[in-house]
Structures are given as structure tokens and as C-alpha cells.
Amino acid sequence: MAWITKNSGGMKIERRNEPYLTAEMRERLTRVTLPRYETTLAALLPTLHEVQHAYGWISHQAMMEIATFLKITPADVIDTASFYEEYWLKPKGQHLIQVCRSIACEFCGHEKITQAIKDRLDIDVGETTEDGMFTLIELECLGSCDTAPVALIDETLHERLSPEGIVKHINAVYAAAKSGDAGVGSHAH
């Protein structure tokens, strides 16, 4: 059997001209965050959060900038960012659909909810639509077992879902986007 190799050592990191870790971020991190930690490595998680909060994800360029700023290895940053599910290492859609897959939602048919979303948006779990509108993920529990199956669209919890119901909610987000109403799908239920 032949080994298939990849040129990971020669990987090119896409770079933009302006830094992700801005001067304002560096100043705030230096003034507020770093003094709270004994080492700069200990400040890695809040630094990753700062960048993700600003951009919605953490690019490879941003990880390299964070490593330089904290004076740690790029491997430490990449290993940490890729370990935790809460960090996005690629851009996500404008709207995040999170389907609960806990045992209660499983018994109540979450698979049909996920399939309806996949069919409507023509994506799989973990993917983003071509238009950049939606990213679909599944979570272990959304804490609403008594109203299963449930899903979040942005910060709005949708309960007692049916496949038709979730498609209706997705269509409402699309309609709101066309009309310029950013509020649909983004408020707590």
C-alpha cells in the first residue's frame, strides 16, 4: 500500500492586509485580560473569545497573530482552538441552526427535523449554505426536554417541532432577510 502524503508543511495561510487582532483588541487584552493570568498561555481562551466575538470565527491568520501577541507557539493556539467545539475555525452562516440531539429529542424524532433542514437548505450537518445564510449543527442538549424536539435558530428556541414547522421557520428567516427585518430568528423565545 502506498502512502498518500500531503504538503502540510508548505500550507499557505490566506492573509488579509489588516490584522484580525487589532490595536484596540491588543490594548484591551493587555490592560484587562493579561493581568488576570499568571502566564500568557493561560490567557489564550479569552483571547480566542475576543477574536471570535469580533468576527464570528477564528482564521488561521488570527491564530498566528494570537500566538505572536501572547508569545506562545502557533501549535498551542491551533491545538486549543481546534479542541473546543465552541470555536469556529471557518466562517459560519449569518444564521446558525442548532438541532438538539439529546435522548428526549431523539425519542421525539430529531432526525426528521435535521433531515428536513438538510433537504430544505441542501447542506449536511456542519455545513453552510452556498449563499452564506445558514449553518447547520447538532448539539447534545438544549435543556428543553419537555418540549422536544427542539432547535435554535440564532437565539430563538423553537419547540415541539415538526419537519414542516422547522422549514416554516427557515422560510421566515429568508423572508425577513429579503425584507430587511433582521429581528426574525434572533431573539429569545
C-alpha atoms as a PDB file:
ATOM      1  CA  MET A   1       0.000   0.000   0.000  1.00  0.00           C
ATOM      2  CA  ALA A   2       1.339   3.401  -0.974  1.00  0.00           C
ATOM      3  CA  TRP A   3       1.275   6.274   1.456  1.00  0.00           C
ATOM      4  CA  ILE A   4      -0.630   9.322   0.361  1.00  0.00           C
ATOM      5  CA  THR A   5       1.122  12.406   1.598  1.00  0.00           C
ATOM      6  CA  LYS A   6       0.010  15.962   1.835  1.00  0.00           C
ATOM      7  CA  ASN A   7       2.184  19.030   1.880  1.00  0.00           C
ATOM      8  CA  SER A   8       1.061  20.319   5.283  1.00  0.00           C
ATOM      9  CA  GLY A   9       4.464  21.872   5.904  1.00  0.00           C
ATOM     10  CA  GLY A  10       4.023  24.000   2.809  1.00  0.00           C
ATOM     11  CA  MET A  11       0.480  25.072   3.612  1.00  0.00           C
ATOM     12  CA  LYS A  12      -0.256  28.652   2.631  1.00  0.00           C
ATOM     13  CA  ILE A  13      -2.263  30.714   5.093  1.00  0.00           C
ATOM     14  CA  GLU A  14      -4.672  33.131   3.465  1.00  0.00           C
ATOM     15  CA  ARG A  15      -3.828  36.584   4.694  1.00  0.00           C
ATOM     16  CA  ARG A  16      -5.627  39.869   4.547  1.00  0.00           C
ATOM     17  CA  ASN A  17      -3.845  43.211   4.812  1.00  0.00           C
ATOM     18  CA  GLU A  18      -5.421  44.351   8.070  1.00  0.00           C
ATOM     19  CA  PRO A  19      -4.824  42.270  11.205  1.00  0.00           C
ATOM     20  CA  TYR A  20      -7.591  40.342  12.919  1.00  0.00           C
ATOM     21  CA  LEU A  21      -6.070  41.152  16.304  1.00  0.00           C
ATOM     22  CA  THR A  22      -6.499  44.917  16.054  1.00  0.00           C
ATOM     23  CA  ALA A  23      -4.593  47.536  18.029  1.00  0.00           C
ATOM     24  CA  GLU A  24      -7.733  48.140  20.120  1.00  0.00           C
ATOM     25  CA  MET A  25      -8.016  44.439  20.941  1.00  0.00           C
ATOM     26  CA  ARG A  26      -4.336  44.213  21.849  1.00  0.00           C
ATOM     27  CA  GLU A  27      -4.656  47.237  24.111  1.00  0.00           C
ATOM     28  CA  ARG A  28      -7.769  45.865  25.839  1.00  0.00           C
ATOM     29  CA  LEU A  29      -6.248  42.405  26.239  1.00  0.00           C
ATOM     30  CA  THR A  30      -3.036  43.903  27.628  1.00  0.00           C
ATOM     31  CA  ARG A  31      -4.886  46.205  30.026  1.00  0.00           C
ATOM     32  CA  VAL A  32      -7.804  43.991  31.144  1.00  0.00           C
ATOM     33  CA  THR A  33      -7.207  40.333  30.326  1.00  0.00           C
ATOM     34  CA  LEU A  34      -3.488  39.595  30.672  1.00  0.00           C
ATOM     35  CA  PRO A  35      -3.163  40.957  34.242  1.00  0.00           C
ATOM     36  CA  ARG A  36      -5.743  38.366  35.382  1.00  0.00           C
ATOM     37  CA  TYR A  37      -3.499  35.439  34.383  1.00  0.00           C
ATOM     38  CA  GLU A  38      -0.147  34.211  35.631  1.00  0.00           C
ATOM     39  CA  THR A  39       1.052  33.300  32.116  1.00  0.00           C
ATOM     40  CA  THR A  40       0.146  34.417  28.623  1.00  0.00           C
ATOM     41  CA  LEU A  41      -0.756  30.811  27.753  1.00  0.00           C
ATOM     42  CA  ALA A  42      -3.435  30.981  30.441  1.00  0.00           C
ATOM     43  CA  ALA A  43      -4.920  33.994  28.627  1.00  0.00           C
ATOM     44  CA  LEU A  44      -5.326  32.050  25.376  1.00  0.00           C
ATOM     45  CA  LEU A  45      -9.017  31.141  25.794  1.00  0.00           C
ATOM     46  CA  PRO A  46     -10.224  34.686  26.465  1.00  0.00           C
ATOM     47  CA  THR A  47      -8.062  35.939  23.594  1.00  0.00           C
ATOM     48  CA  LEU A  48      -9.659  33.396  21.241  1.00  0.00           C
ATOM     49  CA  HIS A  49     -13.089  34.501  22.505  1.00  0.00           C
ATOM     50  CA  GLU A  50     -12.221  38.144  21.812  1.00  0.00           C
ATOM     51  CA  VAL A  51     -11.356  37.418  18.190  1.00  0.00           C
ATOM     52  CA  GLN A  52     -14.319  35.111  17.626  1.00  0.00           C
ATOM     53  CA  HIS A  53     -16.698  37.637  19.165  1.00  0.00           C
ATOM     54  CA  ALA A  54     -15.452  40.282  16.752  1.00  0.00           C
ATOM     55  CA  TYR A  55     -15.504  38.180  13.564  1.00  0.00           C
ATOM     56  CA  GLY A  56     -17.755  35.177  14.253  1.00  0.00           C
ATOM     57  CA  TRP A  57     -14.854  32.777  13.668  1.00  0.00           C
ATOM     58  CA  ILE A  58     -11.086  32.449  14.094  1.00  0.00           C
ATOM     59  CA  SER A  59      -8.995  32.369  10.924  1.00  0.00           C
ATOM     60  CA  HIS A  60      -5.532  30.831  10.627  1.00  0.00           C
ATOM     61  CA  GLN A  61      -4.109  34.328  10.247  1.00  0.00           C
ATOM     62  CA  ALA A  62      -5.803  35.326  13.514  1.00  0.00           C
ATOM     63  CA  MET A  63      -4.366  32.267  15.270  1.00  0.00           C
ATOM     64  CA  MET A  64      -0.870  33.203  14.092  1.00  0.00           C
ATOM     65  CA  GLU A  65      -1.385  36.774  15.305  1.00  0.00           C
ATOM     66  CA  ILE A  66      -2.602  35.496  18.687  1.00  0.00           C
ATOM     67  CA  ALA A  67       0.479  33.270  19.002  1.00  0.00           C
ATOM     68  CA  THR A  68       2.768  36.201  18.296  1.00  0.00           C
ATOM     69  CA  PHE A  69       0.877  38.507  20.669  1.00  0.00           C
ATOM     70  CA  LEU A  70       0.851  36.006  23.555  1.00  0.00           C
ATOM     71  CA  LYS A  71       4.421  34.830  22.800  1.00  0.00           C
ATOM     72  CA  ILE A  72       3.329  31.194  22.568  1.00  0.00           C
ATOM     73  CA  THR A  73       3.672  28.667  19.771  1.00  0.00           C
ATOM     74  CA  PRO A  74       1.191  28.621  16.891  1.00  0.00           C
ATOM     75  CA  ALA A  75       0.685  24.923  17.705  1.00  0.00           C
ATOM     76  CA  ASP A  76      -0.615  25.855  21.167  1.00  0.00           C
ATOM     77  CA  VAL A  77      -3.176  28.191  19.616  1.00  0.00           C
ATOM     78  CA  ILE A  78      -4.259  25.806  16.861  1.00  0.00           C
ATOM     79  CA  ASP A  79      -4.442  22.809  19.234  1.00  0.00           C
ATOM     80  CA  THR A  80      -6.572  24.762  21.704  1.00  0.00           C
ATOM     81  CA  ALA A  81      -8.873  26.339  19.122  1.00  0.00           C
ATOM     82  CA  SER A  82      -9.442  23.013  17.355  1.00  0.00           C
ATOM     83  CA  PHE A  83     -10.032  21.115  20.610  1.00  0.00           C
ATOM     84  CA  TYR A  84     -13.000  23.161  21.846  1.00  0.00           C
ATOM     85  CA  GLU A  85     -16.249  22.903  19.863  1.00  0.00           C
ATOM     86  CA  GLU A  86     -17.218  26.467  20.770  1.00  0.00           C
ATOM     87  CA  TYR A  87     -14.550  27.921  18.481  1.00  0.00           C
ATOM     88  CA  TRP A  88     -15.353  28.275  14.789  1.00  0.00           C
ATOM     89  CA  LEU A  89     -12.328  27.760  12.543  1.00  0.00           C
ATOM     90  CA  LYS A  90     -14.197  28.569   9.368  1.00  0.00           C
ATOM     91  CA  PRO A  91     -16.845  31.175   8.663  1.00  0.00           C
ATOM     92  CA  LYS A  92     -20.378  30.229   9.610  1.00  0.00           C
ATOM     93  CA  GLY A  93     -23.601  31.409   8.057  1.00  0.00           C
ATOM     94  CA  GLN A  94     -25.420  34.573   9.043  1.00  0.00           C
ATOM     95  CA  HIS A  95     -27.887  32.333  10.890  1.00  0.00           C
ATOM     96  CA  LEU A  96     -26.957  29.311  12.979  1.00  0.00           C
ATOM     97  CA  ILE A  97     -29.426  26.423  13.207  1.00  0.00           C
ATOM     98  CA  GLN A  98     -28.725  24.145  16.165  1.00  0.00           C
ATOM     99  CA  VAL A  99     -30.776  20.956  16.421  1.00  0.00           C
ATOM    100  CA  CYS A 100     -30.904  19.181  19.773  1.00  0.00           C
ATOM    101  CA  ARG A 101     -29.967  15.511  19.594  1.00  0.00           C
ATOM    102  CA  SER A 102     -30.396  14.596  23.273  1.00  0.00           C
ATOM    103  CA  ILE A 103     -32.190  11.406  24.239  1.00  0.00           C
ATOM    104  CA  ALA A 104     -35.531  13.199  24.654  1.00  0.00           C
ATOM    105  CA  CYS A 105     -35.246  14.812  21.215  1.00  0.00           C
ATOM    106  CA  GLU A 106     -34.087  11.508  19.764  1.00  0.00           C
ATOM    107  CA  PHE A 107     -37.221   9.768  21.057  1.00  0.00           C
ATOM    108  CA  CYS A 108     -39.330  12.596  19.642  1.00  0.00           C
ATOM    109  CA  GLY A 109     -37.797  12.459  16.173  1.00  0.00           C
ATOM    110  CA  HIS A 110     -34.964  14.966  15.943  1.00  0.00           C
ATOM    111  CA  GLU A 111     -33.623  13.005  12.957  1.00  0.00           C
ATOM    112  CA  LYS A 112     -36.670  14.056  10.932  1.00  0.00           C
ATOM    113  CA  ILE A 113     -36.091  17.685  11.926  1.00  0.00           C
ATOM    114  CA  THR A 114     -32.443  17.532  10.864  1.00  0.00           C
ATOM    115  CA  GLN A 115     -33.376  15.800   7.602  1.00  0.00           C
ATOM    116  CA  ALA A 116     -35.999  18.452   6.798  1.00  0.00           C
ATOM    117  CA  ILE A 117     -33.373  21.171   7.304  1.00  0.00           C
ATOM    118  CA  LYS A 118     -30.828  19.314   5.181  1.00  0.00           C
ATOM    119  CA  ASP A 119     -33.397  18.861   2.423  1.00  0.00           C
ATOM    120  CA  ARG A 120     -34.583  22.494   2.559  1.00  0.00           C
ATOM    121  CA  LEU A 121     -31.097  24.011   2.608  1.00  0.00           C
ATOM    122  CA  ASP A 122     -29.229  21.370   0.582  1.00  0.00           C
ATOM    123  CA  ILE A 123     -26.472  21.080   3.189  1.00  0.00           C
ATOM    124  CA  ASP A 124     -25.338  18.474   5.695  1.00  0.00           C
ATOM    125  CA  VAL A 125     -24.667  18.876   9.404  1.00  0.00           C
ATOM    126  CA  GLY A 126     -21.598  21.082   9.861  1.00  0.00           C
ATOM    127  CA  GLU A 127     -22.027  22.817   6.500  1.00  0.00           C
ATOM    128  CA  THR A 128     -23.041  26.300   5.412  1.00  0.00           C
ATOM    129  CA  THR A 129     -25.386  27.138   2.559  1.00  0.00           C
ATOM    130  CA  GLU A 130     -23.811  28.473  -0.634  1.00  0.00           C
ATOM    131  CA  ASP A 131     -25.465  31.860  -0.065  1.00  0.00           C
ATOM    132  CA  GLY A 132     -23.874  32.077   3.402  1.00  0.00           C
ATOM    133  CA  MET A 133     -27.260  32.388   5.123  1.00  0.00           C
ATOM    134  CA  PHE A 134     -27.344  29.235   7.292  1.00  0.00           C
ATOM    135  CA  THR A 135     -25.014  26.838   9.065  1.00  0.00           C
ATOM    136  CA  LEU A 136     -26.471  23.621  10.485  1.00  0.00           C
ATOM    137  CA  ILE A 137     -25.110  21.844  13.552  1.00  0.00           C
ATOM    138  CA  GLU A 138     -26.430  19.370  16.102  1.00  0.00           C
ATOM    139  CA  LEU A 139     -25.938  19.850  19.851  1.00  0.00           C
ATOM    140  CA  GLU A 140     -26.126  17.357  22.662  1.00  0.00           C
ATOM    141  CA  CYS A 141     -28.773  19.178  24.693  1.00  0.00           C
ATOM    142  CA  LEU A 142     -30.638  22.477  24.609  1.00  0.00           C
ATOM    143  CA  GLY A 143     -32.282  21.918  28.005  1.00  0.00           C
ATOM    144  CA  SER A 144     -35.884  21.842  26.799  1.00  0.00           C
ATOM    145  CA  CYS A 145     -36.615  18.123  27.035  1.00  0.00           C
ATOM    146  CA  ASP A 146     -40.272  18.628  27.943  1.00  0.00           C
ATOM    147  CA  THR A 147     -40.900  20.374  24.603  1.00  0.00           C
ATOM    148  CA  ALA A 148     -38.850  18.053  22.365  1.00  0.00           C
ATOM    149  CA  PRO A 149     -37.882  18.048  19.614  1.00  0.00           C
ATOM    150  CA  VAL A 150     -36.322  21.499  19.697  1.00  0.00           C
ATOM    151  CA  ALA A 151     -33.893  23.618  17.707  1.00  0.00           C
ATOM    152  CA  LEU A 152     -32.357  27.054  17.961  1.00  0.00           C
ATOM    153  CA  ILE A 153     -32.259  29.434  15.045  1.00  0.00           C
ATOM    154  CA  ASP A 154     -29.794  32.016  16.238  1.00  0.00           C
ATOM    155  CA  GLU A 155     -31.039  32.700  19.790  1.00  0.00           C
ATOM    156  CA  THR A 156     -34.677  31.732  19.247  1.00  0.00           C
ATOM    157  CA  LEU A 157     -35.741  28.387  20.673  1.00  0.00           C
ATOM    158  CA  HIS A 158     -38.322  26.561  18.553  1.00  0.00           C
ATOM    159  CA  GLU A 159     -40.205  23.879  20.493  1.00  0.00           C
ATOM    160  CA  ARG A 160     -42.406  20.876  19.682  1.00  0.00           C
ATOM    161  CA  LEU A 161     -41.066  20.948  16.160  1.00  0.00           C
ATOM    162  CA  SER A 162     -42.256  19.043  13.140  1.00  0.00           C
ATOM    163  CA  PRO A 163     -40.336  18.803   9.863  1.00  0.00           C
ATOM    164  CA  GLU A 164     -42.851  21.195   8.318  1.00  0.00           C
ATOM    165  CA  GLY A 165     -42.546  23.564  11.278  1.00  0.00           C
ATOM    166  CA  ILE A 166     -38.767  23.924  11.059  1.00  0.00           C
ATOM    167  CA  VAL A 167     -38.988  24.562   7.312  1.00  0.00           C
ATOM    168  CA  LYS A 168     -41.593  27.259   8.021  1.00  0.00           C
ATOM    169  CA  HIS A 169     -39.187  28.922  10.499  1.00  0.00           C
ATOM    170  CA  ILE A 170     -36.329  28.788   7.963  1.00  0.00           C
ATOM    171  CA  ASN A 171     -38.567  30.304   5.297  1.00  0.00           C
ATOM    172  CA  ALA A 172     -39.488  33.085   7.723  1.00  0.00           C
ATOM    173  CA  VAL A 173     -35.806  33.916   8.224  1.00  0.00           C
ATOM    174  CA  TYR A 174     -35.287  34.020   4.459  1.00  0.00           C
ATOM    175  CA  ALA A 175     -38.368  36.249   4.041  1.00  0.00           C
ATOM    176  CA  ALA A 176     -37.175  38.574   6.798  1.00  0.00           C
ATOM    177  CA  ALA A 177     -33.739  38.823   5.184  1.00  0.00           C
ATOM    178  CA  LYS A 178     -35.330  39.819   1.876  1.00  0.00           C
ATOM    179  CA  SER A 179     -37.470  42.467   3.587  1.00  0.00           C
ATOM    180  CA  GLY A 180     -34.581  43.766   5.690  1.00  0.00           C
ATOM    181  CA  ASP A 181     -36.049  42.690   9.068  1.00  0.00           C
ATOM    182  CA  ALA A 182     -33.005  41.398  10.973  1.00  0.00           C
ATOM    183  CA  GLY A 183     -35.060  40.603  14.064  1.00  0.00           C
ATOM    184  CA  VAL A 184     -36.608  37.327  12.894  1.00  0.00           C
ATOM    185  CA  GLY A 185     -34.803  34.355  14.369  1.00  0.00           C
ATOM    186  CA  SER A 186     -32.515  36.389  16.592  1.00  0.00           C
ATOM    187  CA  HIS A 187     -34.460  36.892  19.814  1.00  0.00           C
ATOM    188  CA  ALA A 188     -35.144  34.558  22.740  1.00  0.00           C
ATOM    189  CA  HIS A 189     -38.438  32.671  22.665  1.00  0.00           C
END
